[in-house]
Protein backbone atom coordinates (compact mmCIF):
# COMPACT_ATOMS: atom_id res chain seq x y z
CA MET A 1 67.68 68.39 39.23
CA GLU A 2 67.63 72.00 38.14
CA ILE A 3 66.38 72.68 34.61
CA ARG A 4 68.15 75.56 32.86
CA LEU A 5 67.39 77.11 29.47
CA ASP A 6 70.10 79.77 29.39
CA GLY A 7 70.90 80.91 25.87
CA ARG A 8 67.68 79.47 24.44
CA SER A 9 64.85 81.44 22.84
CA ALA A 10 61.22 80.41 22.75
CA ILE A 11 57.89 81.25 21.11
CA VAL A 12 54.82 80.37 23.16
CA THR A 13 51.38 80.86 21.61
CA GLY A 14 48.32 81.51 23.73
CA ALA A 15 50.74 82.94 26.28
CA SER A 16 48.72 85.75 27.83
CA LYS A 17 47.06 83.46 30.37
CA GLY A 18 46.54 79.89 31.52
CA LEU A 19 48.91 77.14 30.45
CA GLY A 20 50.69 79.35 27.92
CA PHE A 21 51.45 81.97 30.57
CA ALA A 22 52.66 79.32 33.02
CA MET A 23 54.99 77.75 30.43
CA ALA A 24 56.33 81.12 29.28
CA ARG A 25 57.04 82.12 32.86
CA ALA A 26 58.77 78.81 33.63
CA PHE A 27 60.96 79.14 30.53
CA ALA A 28 61.91 82.73 31.38
CA GLU A 29 62.69 81.82 34.99
CA ALA A 30 64.93 79.04 33.67
CA GLY A 31 66.87 81.59 31.62
CA ALA A 32 65.25 81.50 28.17
CA ASP A 33 64.29 84.54 26.12
CA VAL A 34 60.56 84.26 25.45
CA ALA A 35 58.19 85.72 22.86
CA LEU A 36 54.62 85.75 24.13
CA ILE A 37 52.04 85.31 21.37
CA ALA A 38 48.32 86.06 21.79
CA ARG A 39 45.58 88.14 20.19
CA ARG A 40 44.87 90.86 22.77
CA PRO A 41 47.60 93.49 23.18
CA ASP A 42 46.35 94.54 26.62
CA ALA A 43 46.39 91.03 28.06
CA LEU A 44 49.76 90.42 26.42
CA GLY A 45 51.21 93.54 27.98
CA GLU A 46 50.05 92.49 31.44
CA ALA A 47 51.50 89.01 30.94
CA ARG A 48 54.83 90.39 29.73
CA ARG A 49 55.15 92.68 32.73
CA ALA A 50 54.27 89.90 35.14
CA ILE A 51 56.85 87.53 33.66
CA ALA A 52 59.62 90.06 32.99
CA ASP A 53 59.58 91.34 36.56
CA GLY A 54 62.44 89.58 38.32
CA VAL A 55 63.99 87.65 35.40
CA LYS A 56 67.16 88.48 33.51
CA SER A 57 66.04 87.05 30.17
CA ARG A 58 64.26 89.05 27.49
CA VAL A 59 60.49 88.79 27.39
CA ILE A 60 58.63 90.30 24.45
CA ALA A 61 54.95 90.46 23.54
CA ILE A 62 53.79 90.01 19.95
CA PRO A 63 50.06 90.41 19.17
CA CYS A 64 49.02 87.71 16.72
CA ASP A 65 45.87 85.88 15.64
CA VAL A 66 47.26 82.41 15.02
CA ALA A 67 44.24 81.55 12.85
CA GLN A 68 45.68 83.98 10.26
CA ALA A 69 48.68 82.89 8.17
CA GLY A 70 49.85 86.47 7.69
CA ASP A 71 49.84 87.14 11.44
CA ILE A 72 51.91 84.01 12.05
CA ALA A 73 54.52 85.03 9.48
CA ALA A 74 54.76 88.51 10.99
CA ALA A 75 55.05 87.16 14.55
CA HIS A 76 57.81 84.74 13.55
CA ALA A 77 59.68 87.53 11.79
CA ALA A 78 59.41 89.75 14.87
CA ALA A 79 60.78 87.01 17.14
CA MET A 80 63.65 86.36 14.75
CA ARG A 81 64.53 90.06 14.63
CA GLU A 82 64.61 90.23 18.42
CA PHE A 83 66.32 86.93 19.23
CA GLY A 84 68.09 85.93 16.01
CA LYS A 85 66.89 82.35 16.38
CA VAL A 86 64.04 80.25 17.74
CA ASP A 87 65.08 77.19 19.74
CA ILE A 88 61.72 76.33 21.26
CA LEU A 89 58.18 76.50 19.88
CA VAL A 90 55.10 75.75 21.96
CA ASN A 91 51.86 75.57 19.96
CA ASN A 92 49.40 76.18 22.76
CA ALA A 93 46.75 78.56 21.40
CA GLY A 94 43.25 77.21 21.23
CA LYS A 95 39.94 76.87 23.02
CA SER A 96 37.47 74.06 23.47
CA ALA A 97 34.81 73.90 20.76
CA THR A 98 32.35 71.04 20.99
CA GLY A 99 28.86 70.09 19.90
CA ALA A 100 26.68 67.42 18.38
CA PHE A 101 28.19 66.36 15.07
CA GLU A 102 25.10 67.17 12.98
CA SER A 103 24.98 70.71 14.38
CA LEU A 104 28.51 71.59 13.24
CA THR A 105 28.82 73.63 10.06
CA ASP A 106 31.69 73.80 7.61
CA ALA A 107 32.54 77.16 9.15
CA ASP A 108 32.75 75.58 12.62
CA TRP A 109 35.14 72.91 11.36
CA GLN A 110 37.30 75.34 9.41
CA ALA A 111 37.59 77.79 12.31
CA ASP A 112 38.72 75.02 14.65
CA LEU A 113 41.23 73.61 12.18
CA ASP A 114 42.66 77.06 11.46
CA LEU A 115 43.06 77.87 15.16
CA LYS A 116 44.57 74.57 16.25
CA LEU A 117 45.94 72.42 13.43
CA PHE A 118 46.92 74.95 10.77
CA ALA A 119 48.41 77.35 13.31
CA ALA A 120 50.77 74.58 14.43
CA ILE A 121 51.55 73.59 10.84
CA ARG A 122 52.39 77.17 9.85
CA PHE A 123 54.56 77.93 12.87
CA CYS A 124 56.43 74.62 12.55
CA ARG A 125 57.06 75.23 8.86
CA LEU A 126 58.69 78.55 9.72
CA VAL A 127 60.90 77.45 12.62
CA LEU A 128 62.05 74.04 11.40
CA PRO A 129 64.63 75.11 8.77
CA GLN A 130 66.81 77.10 11.18
CA MET A 131 66.36 74.50 13.93
CA LYS A 132 67.62 71.82 11.55
CA GLU A 133 70.48 74.01 10.40
CA ARG A 134 71.66 74.54 13.97
CA ARG A 135 70.87 70.93 14.87
CA TRP A 136 68.90 71.87 17.98
CA GLY A 137 65.20 72.44 18.40
CA ARG A 138 62.25 71.63 20.62
CA ILE A 139 58.57 71.73 19.62
CA ILE A 140 55.65 71.02 21.93
CA ASN A 141 52.10 70.73 20.65
CA VAL A 142 49.59 71.22 23.46
CA LEU A 143 46.56 69.00 22.83
CA ASN A 144 44.03 67.40 25.16
CA ILE A 145 43.30 63.85 26.24
CA GLY A 146 40.39 63.72 23.80
CA ALA A 147 42.99 63.39 21.04
CA LYS A 148 43.51 59.79 22.16
CA ALA A 149 40.08 58.98 23.53
CA PRO A 150 37.40 61.19 21.91
CA ARG A 151 33.98 61.22 23.49
CA ALA A 152 30.60 61.77 21.88
CA ARG A 153 29.89 65.45 21.20
CA SER A 154 33.59 66.30 21.44
CA ALA A 155 34.02 67.41 17.82
CA PRO A 156 35.50 69.47 16.32
CA THR A 157 38.12 69.84 19.06
CA SER A 158 38.87 66.14 19.53
CA VAL A 159 39.31 65.70 15.77
CA SER A 160 41.66 68.66 15.31
CA ARG A 161 43.62 67.59 18.39
CA ALA A 162 43.94 64.03 17.06
CA ALA A 163 45.33 65.50 13.85
CA GLY A 164 47.76 67.50 15.97
CA MET A 165 48.97 64.25 17.54
CA ALA A 166 49.59 62.78 14.07
CA LEU A 167 51.44 65.95 13.08
CA THR A 168 53.61 65.56 16.18
CA LYS A 169 54.67 62.05 15.17
CA VAL A 170 55.38 63.03 11.57
CA LEU A 171 57.55 65.97 12.59
CA ALA A 172 59.35 63.94 15.25
CA GLY A 173 60.46 61.45 12.62
CA GLU A 174 61.61 64.16 10.24
CA GLY A 175 63.31 66.22 12.94
CA ALA A 176 65.13 63.45 14.77
CA PRO A 177 68.18 63.26 12.44
CA PHE A 178 68.72 66.98 13.13
CA ASN A 179 68.23 66.84 16.92
CA VAL A 180 64.86 68.58 16.60
CA LEU A 181 62.58 66.93 19.15
CA VAL A 182 58.79 67.14 18.80
CA ASN A 183 56.36 66.04 21.49
CA ALA A 184 52.76 66.61 22.53
CA LEU A 185 51.38 67.32 25.99
CA LEU A 186 47.77 66.29 26.49
CA VAL A 187 45.74 68.36 28.94
CA GLY A 188 43.32 66.84 31.42
CA LEU A 189 41.49 68.77 34.12
CA ILE A 190 43.77 71.66 35.06
CA VAL A 191 42.86 74.86 36.88
CA THR A 192 43.19 77.70 34.36
CA ASP A 193 41.20 80.76 33.33
CA GLN A 194 39.01 78.46 31.19
CA ILE A 195 37.85 76.69 34.36
CA VAL A 196 37.14 80.06 35.95
CA ARG A 197 35.04 81.08 32.94
CA ARG A 198 33.21 77.76 32.95
CA HIS A 199 32.38 78.18 36.63
CA ARG A 200 31.01 81.65 35.93
CA THR A 201 28.93 80.69 32.88
CA GLU A 202 27.39 77.59 34.45
CA GLY A 203 25.75 79.74 37.12
CA THR A 204 26.42 77.24 39.89
CA ASN A 205 25.91 78.14 43.54
CA LEU A 206 29.26 76.58 44.38
CA SER A 207 32.24 78.76 45.13
CA LEU A 208 35.11 78.47 42.65
CA GLU A 209 37.11 76.51 45.23
CA ASP A 210 34.26 74.03 45.78
CA TYR A 211 33.61 73.83 42.03
CA VAL A 212 37.25 72.92 41.39
CA ALA A 213 37.23 70.39 44.21
CA LYS A 214 34.04 68.74 42.93
CA ALA A 215 35.37 68.50 39.36
CA GLY A 216 38.70 67.21 40.61
CA ALA A 217 37.06 64.35 42.48
CA ALA A 218 36.64 62.54 39.15
CA VAL A 219 40.42 62.51 38.61
CA PRO A 220 42.22 59.38 39.89
CA LEU A 221 44.62 61.61 41.84
CA GLY A 222 41.58 63.18 43.47
CA ARG A 223 42.19 66.76 42.37
CA MET A 224 42.62 69.01 39.37
CA GLY A 225 46.15 69.82 38.26
CA SER A 226 47.83 73.22 38.31
CA ALA A 227 49.20 75.18 35.37
CA GLU A 228 52.59 75.17 37.11
CA GLU A 229 52.65 71.36 37.18
CA PHE A 230 51.93 71.31 33.47
CA ALA A 231 54.68 73.88 32.84
CA ASN A 232 57.18 71.76 34.77
CA VAL A 233 56.70 68.88 32.31
CA ALA A 234 57.08 71.27 29.37
CA CYS A 235 60.27 72.69 30.88
CA LEU A 236 61.82 69.24 31.06
CA LEU A 237 60.92 68.41 27.47
CA VAL A 238 62.40 71.60 26.00
CA SER A 239 65.65 71.29 27.97
CA ASP A 240 68.77 69.22 27.40
CA ALA A 241 67.54 66.97 30.20
CA GLY A 242 64.75 65.80 27.87
CA GLY A 243 67.15 65.15 25.02
CA PHE A 244 66.12 61.52 24.39
CA VAL A 245 62.36 62.08 24.30
CA THR A 246 60.66 62.68 20.97
CA GLY A 247 57.52 61.54 19.15
CA THR A 248 55.55 61.09 22.36
CA ALA A 249 52.12 62.29 23.46
CA ILE A 250 52.23 62.59 27.24
CA ASN A 251 49.04 62.75 29.29
CA VAL A 252 49.28 65.45 31.95
CA ASP A 253 45.98 64.53 33.53
CA GLY A 254 46.39 62.88 36.92
CA GLY A 255 45.57 59.49 35.39
CA MET A 256 42.21 60.55 33.93
CA SER A 257 42.70 59.36 30.36
CA PRO A 258 41.62 55.75 29.67
CA VAL A 259 44.44 55.54 27.12
CA VAL A 260 48.15 55.57 27.97
């Protein structure tokens, strides 16, 4: 089955690298126009050039700090000016922030909620009216498997991600009568730039390849996933082929989560 997104337009946050980049590239290769959203203009420019090379769809880069409401409004306006509509929204921006509960300050909590939960709320609030009016829309909230099964010392990320899962279900119920489908994809162990940074900061003597292999041994499938595998699931959900799937939180984790 070939997934096509011709005539669709998408916003992908956190799109300069990792999962966001992989999803944006998959959408563009499937024919969608894509707005790449991230903070750093230089990284965004590199990502845009890498994706735009060889595709016929339009690929634009919009610098935006999704923790800032004003930046989100400006980014949405820029995408609307360029494309005239937004069919697909992927709320992917975010980074892991964890620590012992008693060590977390109000500022730590607020920063995490602004980056993950409120960014998704604000973008959804902007795109939903025109999606409902046209009776077609797809929203994916990228979370992690801690949203369903939080571990000790996993706050604030696991808490904000759990809230993102609740937001997904609320919006799915409200969007369904208008053919606006809202789902969440929950990340397990996947090889991205975050894994590369973790390998570097841990100061291990293992090569990156051996580090990835060792970490992947804990996954039931026996390996870490790839960003492209994650993007394939996203591509299905935002296409017409995924037209009867909404209100779900799908683990893309090789079976690692203890919760279905």
